Amino acid sequence: MDTLMPKIIRKTSPYLRRPQASVTRMMRDVTIALLPVTVFAIWKFGWAAVVILLLSIISMLVTEYVYYQVVDKVNGETFKFKNKSFSLYNFSALTSGLIFGLTVPDSTPWYAIVMSGVLGIFLGKLIFGGLGQNVFNPAALARVLLVVNFTVASYEIDTVAGVTALGEISNNLFSSGVLENFSLIDLFTGIGIPGSIGEVSFFLILLGGIYLAVRTSFEVRIPLVYVGTVFVLASAVAIYKGLGIWYPMFHILSGGLIFGAIFMATDPVTSPITKPGRVYFAFALGVVTFFIRIFGSLPEGVVFAILIMNMFVSSFDYHKWTYSRFTKRQGVIFGIVILLTILVTIVGVSYVS
């Protein structure tokens, strides 16, 4: 009878995504993958980047540490400097703070960064029970809170940082004139491109993604399908409007798409468990992001798309319609959904000048 008993895995959450993985190893790898982007941000933006990164990391670390000390006190436990629940030791809180800081423009007020970092990790992670139980990505939530709660910071992120490239094209959605100020090669390297301190260099972000893929420390399907979806929809618009290949490439290279796809959307806690679920999740991310860019009032839609789709992760994993592998029926239905999405996109842009 003992051989029939299920094996209980005793290790740090998340449990189901990758039972043999170490959270510490995965988070450490993400931090290492972010180092080229971080060094470039400090080189490009100077002390402003250093201050932003320190504030974002410290705000999240201190909030989590204080929270767990209060919880222990309420539960009647004696004070211990090394709190057992504090996730500094597995790089989780540090990584969230680093990711959040890299999504912030260099001119963002310090108080907005601190308040958003505190609220982001508290509302996005701690109130749900901590690592492995949160619904929302803490870094993405912190940035959205920064946008919606602080007028000055919101303006900087989505009207200055966003208007670098995406904001300019949002004023004239289908004009190649944007290439005069933002060439594709500059968007690829990040040289001379203003914006959020860690989102301007496509090349360095991609380099970090390749490292994570080699280390098998993230789900590679998610960024591939996410970015691929945006490329396909933008290509459909380019064909319909008679634009060149520059148009889909511009959407891929500008804004926070590649950064969000690699370092936020792949969070193992806030993404689906099954392989088909991850593909559907990434496809939905691409659709929502592109629709916000084209039909919304904001030039950038990545973090909003991530938080919106975080709410539906459990639906992608629902046992009655989720399988561990793709079936022919799922493939046919998914293909029809893709075609309908392209059709809706083309119809929609026909009404946009």
Protein backbone atom coordinates (compact mmCIF):
# COMPACT_ATOMS: atom_id res chain seq x y z
CA MET A 1 0.00 0.00 0.00
CA ASP A 2 2.89 2.36 0.71
CA THR A 3 3.91 2.29 -2.95
CA LEU A 4 0.51 3.68 -3.92
CA MET A 5 0.80 6.74 -1.72
CA PRO A 6 1.44 9.98 -3.66
CA LYS A 7 4.81 11.57 -3.15
CA ILE A 8 4.65 14.83 -1.22
CA ILE A 9 7.11 17.42 -2.43
CA ARG A 10 8.57 19.39 0.47
CA LYS A 11 10.10 22.51 -0.97
CA THR A 12 9.51 26.22 -1.44
CA SER A 13 6.57 27.29 -3.60
CA PRO A 14 5.64 27.39 -6.44
CA TYR A 15 5.00 23.65 -6.35
CA LEU A 16 3.20 22.59 -9.53
CA ARG A 17 4.95 24.60 -12.24
CA ARG A 18 8.29 22.82 -12.10
CA PRO A 19 8.54 20.30 -9.25
CA GLN A 20 12.27 19.70 -9.72
CA ALA A 21 13.17 23.39 -9.92
CA SER A 22 14.64 25.51 -7.17
CA VAL A 23 13.00 28.90 -6.64
CA THR A 24 16.33 30.28 -5.44
CA ARG A 25 18.06 29.10 -8.63
CA MET A 26 15.34 30.51 -10.89
CA MET A 27 15.25 33.90 -9.17
CA ARG A 28 19.05 34.08 -9.07
CA ASP A 29 19.15 33.37 -12.80
CA VAL A 30 16.64 36.14 -13.47
CA THR A 31 18.77 38.55 -11.47
CA ILE A 32 21.87 37.53 -13.43
CA ALA A 33 19.97 37.90 -16.71
CA LEU A 34 19.06 41.46 -15.69
CA LEU A 35 22.67 42.48 -15.01
CA PRO A 36 23.51 43.64 -18.59
CA VAL A 37 20.35 45.75 -18.67
CA THR A 38 21.09 47.13 -15.21
CA VAL A 39 24.67 48.08 -16.08
CA PHE A 40 23.49 49.73 -19.30
CA ALA A 41 20.81 51.66 -17.39
CA ILE A 42 23.39 52.98 -14.91
CA TRP A 43 25.79 53.88 -17.75
CA LYS A 44 23.05 55.66 -19.70
CA PHE A 45 21.12 57.40 -16.91
CA GLY A 46 23.84 57.73 -14.27
CA TRP A 47 23.06 58.26 -10.59
CA ALA A 48 19.36 58.66 -11.32
CA ALA A 49 19.23 54.98 -12.28
CA VAL A 50 21.17 53.96 -9.17
CA VAL A 51 18.75 55.86 -6.91
CA ILE A 52 15.70 54.43 -8.67
CA LEU A 53 16.95 50.84 -8.43
CA LEU A 54 17.92 51.20 -4.78
CA LEU A 55 14.56 52.76 -3.85
CA SER A 56 12.52 50.15 -5.70
CA ILE A 57 14.48 47.21 -4.25
CA ILE A 58 14.65 48.55 -0.69
CA SER A 59 10.95 49.51 -0.63
CA MET A 60 9.90 45.98 -1.52
CA LEU A 61 12.44 44.26 0.73
CA VAL A 62 11.59 46.37 3.78
CA THR A 63 7.84 46.01 3.22
CA GLU A 64 8.05 42.23 3.06
CA TYR A 65 10.36 42.00 6.06
CA VAL A 66 8.15 44.24 8.23
CA TYR A 67 5.02 42.41 7.10
CA TYR A 68 6.31 39.01 8.17
CA GLN A 69 7.62 40.37 11.46
CA VAL A 70 4.15 41.76 12.20
CA VAL A 71 2.54 38.45 11.22
CA ASP A 72 4.87 36.58 13.58
CA LYS A 73 4.09 39.03 16.36
CA VAL A 74 0.34 38.57 15.86
CA ASN A 75 0.82 34.80 15.93
CA GLY A 76 2.62 35.09 19.27
CA GLU A 77 6.09 34.18 18.01
CA THR A 78 9.21 35.70 19.50
CA PHE A 79 11.17 38.21 17.44
CA LYS A 80 13.89 36.73 15.26
CA PHE A 81 16.08 38.93 13.10
CA LYS A 82 16.29 36.21 10.43
CA ASN A 83 12.61 35.76 9.66
CA LYS A 84 11.81 32.33 8.18
CA SER A 85 9.20 33.69 5.73
CA PHE A 86 11.27 36.60 4.39
CA SER A 87 12.05 35.81 0.75
CA LEU A 88 15.32 37.76 0.58
CA TYR A 89 17.04 34.41 0.88
CA ASN A 90 15.55 33.10 -2.36
CA PHE A 91 15.98 36.37 -4.31
CA SER A 92 12.21 36.72 -4.85
CA ALA A 93 11.61 40.16 -3.33
CA LEU A 94 14.95 41.45 -4.61
CA THR A 95 14.13 40.35 -8.16
CA SER A 96 10.68 41.95 -8.05
CA GLY A 97 12.21 45.22 -6.86
CA LEU A 98 14.87 45.15 -9.56
CA ILE A 99 12.33 44.46 -12.31
CA PHE A 100 10.07 47.25 -11.06
CA GLY A 101 12.94 49.72 -10.92
CA LEU A 102 14.00 48.94 -14.48
CA THR A 103 10.51 49.83 -15.77
CA VAL A 104 10.65 53.34 -14.30
CA PRO A 105 11.83 56.48 -16.19
CA ASP A 106 14.78 58.34 -14.75
CA SER A 107 12.74 61.47 -13.91
CA THR A 108 10.19 59.70 -11.71
CA PRO A 109 9.86 61.26 -8.21
CA TRP A 110 11.41 59.23 -5.40
CA TYR A 111 8.25 59.18 -3.28
CA ALA A 112 6.23 57.73 -6.17
CA ILE A 113 8.74 54.88 -6.53
CA VAL A 114 8.71 54.10 -2.81
CA MET A 115 4.92 54.18 -2.44
CA SER A 116 4.38 52.10 -5.57
CA GLY A 117 6.99 49.56 -4.48
CA VAL A 118 5.39 49.21 -1.05
CA LEU A 119 1.88 48.84 -2.42
CA GLY A 120 2.98 46.63 -5.30
CA ILE A 121 4.50 43.89 -3.16
CA PHE A 122 1.86 44.20 -0.44
CA LEU A 123 -1.21 44.11 -2.70
CA GLY A 124 0.34 41.90 -5.36
CA LYS A 125 1.99 39.28 -3.17
CA LEU A 126 1.80 39.50 0.61
CA ILE A 127 -1.97 39.73 1.11
CA PHE A 128 -2.38 36.54 -0.93
CA GLY A 129 -0.10 34.58 1.38
CA GLY A 130 3.33 35.22 -0.09
CA LEU A 131 5.42 33.55 -2.76
CA GLY A 132 3.58 30.85 -4.69
CA GLN A 133 0.09 32.09 -3.81
CA ASN A 134 -0.07 35.54 -5.41
CA VAL A 135 -2.39 36.24 -8.32
CA PHE A 136 -0.63 39.32 -9.70
CA ASN A 137 2.98 39.97 -10.67
CA PRO A 138 4.22 42.39 -7.94
CA ALA A 139 6.53 44.34 -10.27
CA ALA A 140 3.83 44.82 -12.90
CA LEU A 141 1.32 45.87 -10.26
CA ALA A 142 3.79 48.35 -8.79
CA ARG A 143 4.28 50.00 -12.17
CA VAL A 144 0.56 50.21 -12.85
CA LEU A 145 0.03 51.74 -9.41
CA LEU A 146 2.72 54.26 -10.26
CA VAL A 147 0.87 55.16 -13.45
CA VAL A 148 -2.62 55.48 -12.01
CA ASN A 149 -1.88 56.95 -8.56
CA PHE A 150 0.74 59.61 -9.22
CA THR A 151 -0.07 62.22 -11.79
CA VAL A 152 3.49 63.37 -12.38
CA ALA A 153 4.91 59.87 -12.52
CA SER A 154 2.07 58.72 -14.74
CA TYR A 155 2.81 61.52 -17.17
CA GLU A 156 6.49 60.62 -17.20
CA ILE A 157 5.91 56.93 -17.87
CA ASP A 158 3.20 57.00 -20.48
CA THR A 159 3.62 60.43 -21.99
CA VAL A 160 7.36 60.95 -21.85
CA ALA A 161 8.88 57.48 -21.67
CA GLY A 162 6.09 56.06 -23.78
CA VAL A 163 6.12 58.99 -26.20
CA THR A 164 9.73 58.28 -26.96
CA ALA A 165 8.69 55.96 -29.74
CA LEU A 166 5.27 54.46 -29.13
CA GLY A 167 3.87 57.78 -27.98
CA GLU A 168 5.05 59.49 -31.13
CA ILE A 169 3.56 56.85 -33.38
CA SER A 170 0.33 56.97 -31.36
CA ASN A 171 -0.14 60.53 -32.64
CA ASN A 172 -0.06 59.18 -36.18
CA LEU A 173 -0.44 55.41 -36.02
CA PHE A 174 0.63 54.56 -39.54
CA SER A 175 3.27 57.16 -40.41
CA SER A 176 6.82 56.12 -41.25
CA GLY A 177 7.93 59.56 -40.11
CA VAL A 178 8.73 58.14 -36.69
CA LEU A 179 11.77 56.44 -38.19
CA GLU A 180 13.38 59.86 -38.65
CA ASN A 181 13.73 60.21 -34.87
CA PHE A 182 13.74 56.55 -33.87
CA SER A 183 15.52 54.26 -36.29
CA LEU A 184 15.13 50.51 -35.91
CA ILE A 185 18.84 50.04 -35.23
CA ASP A 186 18.72 52.62 -32.43
CA LEU A 187 15.70 50.90 -30.91
CA PHE A 188 17.58 47.60 -31.11
CA THR A 189 20.69 48.88 -29.33
CA GLY A 190 19.04 51.46 -27.05
CA ILE A 191 21.72 54.05 -27.83
CA GLY A 192 20.22 57.54 -27.75
CA ILE A 193 16.72 56.27 -27.00
CA PRO A 194 14.88 57.85 -24.04
CA GLY A 195 12.48 55.82 -21.94
CA SER A 196 12.24 53.66 -18.85
CA ILE A 197 15.76 52.96 -17.65
CA GLY A 198 15.74 49.21 -18.31
CA GLU A 199 13.49 48.95 -21.35
CA VAL A 200 15.37 50.86 -24.03
CA SER A 201 17.88 48.23 -25.22
CA PHE A 202 16.18 45.37 -27.06
CA PHE A 203 19.53 43.64 -27.59
CA LEU A 204 20.51 43.44 -23.91
CA ILE A 205 17.05 42.33 -22.84
CA LEU A 206 17.13 39.63 -25.51
CA LEU A 207 20.58 38.59 -24.29
CA GLY A 208 19.14 38.07 -20.81
CA GLY A 209 16.29 36.05 -22.28
CA ILE A 210 18.71 33.78 -24.12
CA TYR A 211 20.59 33.18 -20.87
CA LEU A 212 17.36 32.19 -19.11
CA ALA A 213 16.43 29.89 -21.98
CA VAL A 214 19.80 28.15 -21.85
CA ARG A 215 19.42 27.77 -18.09
CA THR A 216 15.81 26.56 -18.52
CA SER A 217 14.82 29.12 -15.89
CA PHE A 218 11.69 30.35 -17.63
CA GLU A 219 8.96 29.19 -19.99
CA VAL A 220 10.29 30.10 -23.43
CA ARG A 221 6.91 29.59 -25.14
CA ILE A 222 5.42 32.61 -23.39
CA PRO A 223 7.76 35.34 -24.74
CA LEU A 224 7.91 33.70 -28.18
CA VAL A 225 4.13 33.55 -28.56
CA TYR A 226 3.60 36.93 -26.87
CA VAL A 227 6.01 38.82 -29.11
CA GLY A 228 5.00 36.71 -32.11
CA THR A 229 1.35 37.61 -31.66
CA VAL A 230 2.12 41.32 -31.64
CA PHE A 231 4.28 40.84 -34.74
CA VAL A 232 1.52 38.95 -36.61
CA LEU A 233 -1.18 41.50 -35.77
CA ALA A 234 1.09 44.41 -36.66
CA SER A 235 2.03 42.67 -39.91
CA ALA A 236 -1.65 42.22 -40.78
CA VAL A 237 -2.17 45.94 -40.21
CA ALA A 238 0.92 46.74 -42.29
CA ILE A 239 -0.36 44.66 -45.21
CA TYR A 240 -3.84 46.18 -44.99
CA LYS A 241 -2.51 49.75 -44.78
CA GLY A 242 0.23 49.25 -47.36
CA LEU A 243 3.04 49.78 -44.86
CA GLY A 244 6.43 48.13 -44.90
CA ILE A 245 8.12 45.64 -42.58
CA TRP A 246 9.22 48.60 -40.49
CA TYR A 247 5.77 48.75 -38.88
CA PRO A 248 5.71 45.35 -37.10
CA MET A 249 9.42 45.67 -36.29
CA PHE A 250 8.77 49.06 -34.72
CA HIS A 251 6.15 47.55 -32.42
CA ILE A 252 8.50 44.73 -31.45
CA LEU A 253 11.54 46.89 -30.76
CA SER A 254 9.90 49.83 -28.98
CA GLY A 255 8.35 50.16 -25.56
CA GLY A 256 8.46 47.52 -22.85
CA LEU A 257 7.21 44.58 -24.92
CA ILE A 258 10.32 42.41 -24.90
CA PHE A 259 11.12 43.28 -21.27
CA GLY A 260 7.62 42.42 -20.09
CA ALA A 261 7.50 39.27 -22.21
CA ILE A 262 10.75 37.88 -20.78
CA PHE A 263 10.85 39.12 -17.20
CA MET A 264 7.19 39.61 -16.18
CA ALA A 265 4.89 37.40 -18.21
CA THR A 266 7.04 34.33 -17.50
CA ASP A 267 6.61 34.54 -13.73
CA PRO A 268 5.92 30.85 -12.86
CA VAL A 269 3.43 31.77 -10.12
CA THR A 270 1.23 34.07 -12.21
CA SER A 271 1.27 32.09 -15.47
CA PRO A 272 -0.59 28.87 -16.41
CA ILE A 273 0.64 25.37 -15.55
CA THR A 274 -0.07 23.48 -18.78
CA LYS A 275 1.80 23.99 -22.04
CA PRO A 276 -1.37 24.78 -24.06
CA GLY A 277 -2.48 27.13 -21.30
CA ARG A 278 0.80 29.04 -21.53
CA VAL A 279 0.41 29.42 -25.29
CA TYR A 280 -3.17 30.71 -24.96
CA PHE A 281 -2.07 33.01 -22.13
CA ALA A 282 0.77 34.47 -24.20
CA PHE A 283 -1.47 34.88 -27.24
CA ALA A 284 -4.02 36.78 -25.16
CA LEU A 285 -1.22 38.98 -23.80
CA GLY A 286 -0.18 39.88 -27.33
CA VAL A 287 -3.74 40.67 -28.39
CA VAL A 288 -4.50 42.85 -25.37
CA THR A 289 -1.16 44.68 -25.67
CA PHE A 290 -1.62 45.44 -29.36
CA PHE A 291 -5.25 46.50 -28.92
CA ILE A 292 -4.28 48.90 -26.13
CA ARG A 293 -1.58 50.38 -28.33
CA ILE A 294 -3.84 50.81 -31.35
CA PHE A 295 -7.28 51.44 -29.88
CA GLY A 296 -6.51 52.64 -26.35
CA SER A 297 -5.56 56.03 -24.98
CA LEU A 298 -2.17 54.83 -23.70
CA PRO A 299 0.80 54.31 -26.05
CA GLU A 300 2.06 51.33 -24.02
CA GLY A 301 -0.05 48.40 -22.85
CA VAL A 302 2.33 45.70 -21.62
CA VAL A 303 1.96 45.91 -17.83
CA PHE A 304 -1.79 46.45 -18.11
CA ALA A 305 -2.10 43.40 -20.35
CA ILE A 306 -0.06 41.30 -17.91
CA LEU A 307 -2.21 42.25 -14.92
CA ILE A 308 -5.44 41.74 -16.87
CA MET A 309 -4.41 38.27 -17.98
CA ASN A 310 -3.07 37.36 -14.51
CA MET A 311 -6.71 37.38 -13.41
CA PHE A 312 -7.59 34.68 -15.94
CA VAL A 313 -4.72 32.25 -15.30
CA SER A 314 -6.97 29.91 -13.33
CA SER A 315 -9.33 29.78 -16.33
CA PHE A 316 -6.51 28.59 -18.59
CA ASP A 317 -5.81 25.83 -16.05
CA TYR A 318 -9.44 24.80 -15.52
CA HIS A 319 -9.53 21.00 -15.59
CA LYS A 320 -12.65 20.63 -17.73
CA TRP A 321 -11.10 22.22 -20.80
CA THR A 322 -7.36 22.06 -20.12
CA TYR A 323 -5.04 19.28 -21.29
CA SER A 324 -1.34 18.79 -20.72
CA ARG A 325 -0.76 18.60 -24.47
CA PHE A 326 -2.32 20.06 -27.59
CA THR A 327 -5.03 18.04 -29.32
CA LYS A 328 -6.13 18.34 -32.94
CA ARG A 329 -9.42 19.83 -31.85
CA GLN A 330 -7.64 22.45 -29.75
CA GLY A 331 -5.35 23.26 -32.66
CA VAL A 332 -8.25 23.81 -35.05
CA ILE A 333 -10.14 26.00 -32.57
CA PHE A 334 -7.01 27.99 -31.78
CA GLY A 335 -6.33 28.52 -35.49
CA ILE A 336 -9.87 29.84 -35.97
CA VAL A 337 -9.42 32.19 -33.02
CA ILE A 338 -6.21 33.54 -34.54
CA LEU A 339 -7.89 34.19 -37.90
CA LEU A 340 -10.85 35.89 -36.23
CA THR A 341 -8.50 38.05 -34.16
CA ILE A 342 -6.66 39.18 -37.30
CA LEU A 343 -10.00 39.95 -38.96
CA VAL A 344 -11.21 41.96 -35.97
CA THR A 345 -7.92 43.86 -35.93
CA ILE A 346 -8.16 44.78 -39.62
CA VAL A 347 -11.80 45.84 -39.26
CA GLY A 348 -10.89 47.91 -36.23
CA VAL A 349 -7.99 49.77 -37.86
CA SER A 350 -10.20 50.58 -40.84
CA TYR A 351 -12.00 53.01 -38.52
CA VAL A 352 -8.77 54.47 -37.12
CA SER A 353 -7.14 57.33 -38.95
